[in-house]
Protein backbone atom coordinates (compact mmCIF):
# COMPACT_ATOMS: atom_id res chain seq x y z
CA MET A 1 29.62 -47.86 54.93
CA PRO A 2 30.58 -45.42 52.18
CA PRO A 3 30.88 -46.60 48.68
CA PRO A 4 34.40 -47.60 47.41
CA ARG A 5 36.68 -45.00 45.59
CA LEU A 6 37.87 -45.70 42.13
CA PRO A 7 41.35 -45.33 41.38
CA MET A 8 41.98 -42.10 39.31
CA ASP A 9 45.48 -42.89 37.97
CA GLY A 10 44.51 -43.54 34.50
CA LEU A 11 42.60 -40.25 33.94
CA GLN A 12 44.05 -37.15 32.49
CA ARG A 13 42.53 -33.72 31.61
CA ALA A 14 41.58 -32.97 28.20
CA VAL A 15 41.75 -29.45 26.66
CA SER A 16 39.80 -28.57 23.62
CA ASP A 17 41.45 -26.76 20.61
CA LEU A 18 38.41 -24.87 19.94
CA SER A 19 38.31 -23.22 23.53
CA PHE A 20 42.27 -22.48 23.19
CA LYS A 21 41.52 -20.76 19.89
CA LEU A 22 38.72 -18.88 21.22
CA MET A 23 40.87 -17.52 24.10
CA THR A 24 43.59 -16.38 21.65
CA MET A 25 40.84 -14.58 19.44
CA ASP A 26 39.71 -12.70 22.50
CA ASP A 27 43.26 -11.07 22.73
CA GLU A 28 43.24 -10.28 18.93
CA TYR A 29 39.88 -8.48 18.80
CA SER A 30 39.53 -5.78 21.38
CA SER A 31 36.35 -4.11 22.14
CA ASP A 32 37.87 -0.72 20.64
CA GLU A 33 37.77 -2.19 17.11
CA LEU A 34 34.21 -3.09 16.90
CA PRO A 35 32.42 -1.61 13.70
CA PRO A 36 30.05 1.25 14.52
CA ILE A 37 26.28 0.27 14.89
CA SER A 38 23.99 2.43 12.76
CA GLU A 39 21.62 4.52 14.95
CA VAL A 40 17.89 3.57 14.19
CA ASP A 41 15.26 6.39 14.37
CA ASP A 42 11.46 6.06 14.07
CA ALA A 43 10.38 7.64 10.76
CA ARG A 44 6.72 8.52 10.25
CA CYS A 45 5.42 8.70 6.74
CA GLU A 46 4.17 12.27 5.81
CA CYS A 47 1.38 10.95 3.74
CA CYS A 48 -0.30 7.98 5.33
CA GLY A 49 1.22 8.38 9.03
CA LEU A 50 2.84 4.78 8.91
CA SER A 51 5.71 4.56 11.43
CA GLU A 52 8.92 2.63 10.61
CA GLU A 53 12.26 2.26 12.17
CA CYS A 54 15.03 3.17 9.53
CA THR A 55 18.50 4.41 9.81
CA LYS A 56 19.15 8.11 9.31
CA ASP A 57 21.17 7.41 5.99
CA TYR A 58 17.93 5.78 4.55
CA ILE A 59 15.61 8.35 5.73
CA ARG A 60 17.93 10.91 4.23
CA ARG A 61 18.00 9.03 0.72
CA VAL A 62 14.18 8.92 0.78
CA ARG A 63 13.97 12.30 1.39
CA ASP A 64 16.22 13.22 -1.28
CA ARG A 65 14.10 11.13 -3.72
CA SER A 66 10.65 12.39 -2.55
CA CYS A 67 11.44 16.31 -2.73
CA GLY A 68 12.25 16.62 1.02
CA ARG A 69 9.29 14.59 2.16
CA TYR A 70 9.66 11.04 4.03
CA MET A 71 7.37 8.58 2.39
CA CYS A 72 6.92 4.84 3.08
CA SER A 73 7.30 2.51 0.35
CA LEU A 74 3.65 2.13 -0.28
CA CYS A 75 3.01 5.69 -0.71
CA THR A 76 6.13 5.89 -2.85
CA GLY A 77 4.79 3.35 -5.31
CA ALA A 78 1.25 5.11 -5.33
CA VAL A 79 3.40 8.34 -6.33
CA GLU A 80 4.97 6.47 -9.05
CA GLU A 81 1.61 5.37 -10.35
CA GLU A 82 0.38 8.97 -10.15
CA MET A 83 3.49 10.21 -12.09
CA ALA A 84 2.68 7.80 -14.74
CA LYS A 85 -0.88 8.85 -15.11
CA ASN A 86 -0.14 12.70 -14.97
CA GLY A 87 3.03 12.68 -17.30
CA GLY A 88 5.73 12.47 -14.82
CA ARG A 89 5.60 15.56 -12.69
CA LYS A 90 6.84 14.43 -9.27
CA GLU A 91 5.81 17.27 -7.16
CA GLU A 92 2.44 17.26 -8.57
CA ALA A 93 1.93 13.69 -7.89
CA ILE A 94 3.18 13.89 -4.28
CA GLU A 95 0.55 16.69 -3.75
CA ALA A 96 -2.14 14.51 -5.13
CA HIS A 97 -1.31 11.48 -3.42
CA MET A 98 -0.98 13.56 0.03
CA GLY A 99 -4.53 15.11 -0.64
CA VAL A 100 -5.99 11.64 -0.94
CA CYS A 101 -4.25 10.44 2.32
CA VAL A 102 -5.15 13.52 4.02
CA ARG A 103 -8.85 12.92 3.33
CA PHE A 104 -8.62 9.14 4.09
CA ASN A 105 -7.05 10.29 7.54
CA LYS A 106 -9.73 12.71 8.24
CA ILE A 107 -12.78 10.60 7.33
CA GLY A 108 -11.71 6.91 6.65
CA ARG A 109 -10.21 5.92 9.94
CA PRO A 110 -12.46 7.10 12.40
CA TYR A 111 -15.53 6.78 10.37
CA PRO A 112 -15.17 3.96 7.74
CA VAL A 113 -18.84 4.02 6.69
CA LEU A 114 -18.50 7.80 5.86
CA TYR A 115 -15.55 7.15 3.79
CA GLN A 116 -17.17 4.40 2.00
CA ALA A 117 -20.18 6.87 1.41
CA GLU A 118 -17.49 9.50 0.32
CA ALA A 119 -16.18 7.07 -2.17
CA MET A 120 -19.68 6.27 -3.69
CA LYS A 121 -20.34 9.90 -3.90
CA GLU A 122 -17.12 10.24 -6.03
CA MET A 123 -17.96 7.26 -8.27
CA LEU A 124 -21.34 8.75 -8.95
CA LYS A 125 -19.92 12.04 -9.75
CA ARG A 126 -17.33 10.42 -12.16
CA SER A 127 -20.24 8.42 -13.95
CA THR A 128 -22.50 11.16 -14.46
CA TYR A 129 -19.80 13.34 -15.73
CA ARG A 130 -18.75 10.48 -18.21
CA SER A 131 -22.55 9.91 -19.22
CA LYS A 132 -23.13 13.69 -19.74
CA SER A 133 -20.02 13.90 -21.82
CA LYS A 134 -20.90 11.07 -24.12
CA SER A 135 -24.68 12.25 -24.51
CA SER A 136 -23.40 15.70 -25.56
CA ARG A 137 -20.98 13.92 -28.20
CA GLU A 138 -23.73 11.92 -29.51
CA ARG A 139 -26.14 14.98 -29.80
CA GLY A 140 -23.32 16.86 -31.69
CA SER A 141 -22.36 13.97 -34.26
CA GLY A 142 -25.88 12.87 -34.86
CA GLY A 143 -26.83 13.24 -38.60
CA GLY A 144 -30.24 11.73 -38.37
CA GLY A 145 -31.86 13.94 -35.88
CA GLY A 146 -34.70 12.44 -34.01
CA VAL A 147 -33.94 9.47 -31.43
CA THR A 148 -30.33 8.90 -30.23
CA LYS A 149 -29.48 5.36 -28.66
CA LYS A 150 -27.82 5.52 -25.46
CA ALA A 151 -24.99 3.10 -25.07
CA GLY A 152 -25.20 0.59 -22.05
CA MET A 153 -29.10 0.92 -21.67
CA ILE A 154 -31.42 -2.12 -21.82
CA THR A 155 -34.37 -1.45 -24.07
CA ARG A 156 -37.82 -3.29 -24.08
CA THR A 157 -38.95 -4.42 -27.57
CA THR A 158 -42.55 -5.58 -26.49
CA SER A 159 -44.75 -5.41 -23.30
CA CYS A 160 -44.92 -8.69 -21.32
CA ILE A 161 -48.58 -8.07 -19.93
CA PRO A 162 -50.36 -9.80 -22.97
CA ALA A 163 -48.61 -12.90 -22.44
CA ILE A 164 -49.13 -12.85 -18.85
CA THR A 165 -52.88 -12.44 -19.36
CA LYS A 166 -52.91 -14.90 -22.21
CA GLU A 167 -51.19 -17.57 -19.71
CA MET A 168 -53.94 -16.65 -16.81
CA SER A 169 -56.80 -17.14 -19.10
CA VAL A 170 -55.70 -20.66 -20.43
CA ARG A 171 -55.47 -21.98 -16.81
């Protein structure tokens, strides 16, 4: 036997105000009036090779600021630091930074150990250059003739061998 049916006399269909508003808004805003969507392009940094998705307008603005080259924000910051070091010449700063990036991309990415060795070689060159320039200044300015003291060296005042032999003979 089927279940008994309930009377439907007291029920009414309800319509939401929100659904009515949405239906009228669809009529007001047609698809012809949608704002244009900016085209996104894949831009590759000419220094480090980093690839970013950017609008054409943004790429144009970056190229205007960077002497016609597209550079990512990291490279732009490095170029600004280079400009501060070199007196504010943008083109020279860009060339210097691009040289560093080219060297890194040739050696650093495929052979990180060689890049580290190259960096150590550069540090040694700089430190020997500095020490040579300091020692020539010391020789030229020395008024006492004879021994010049080199900065940063540890000098031994006495030998430790007599103390060691004395300690061993006591035992």
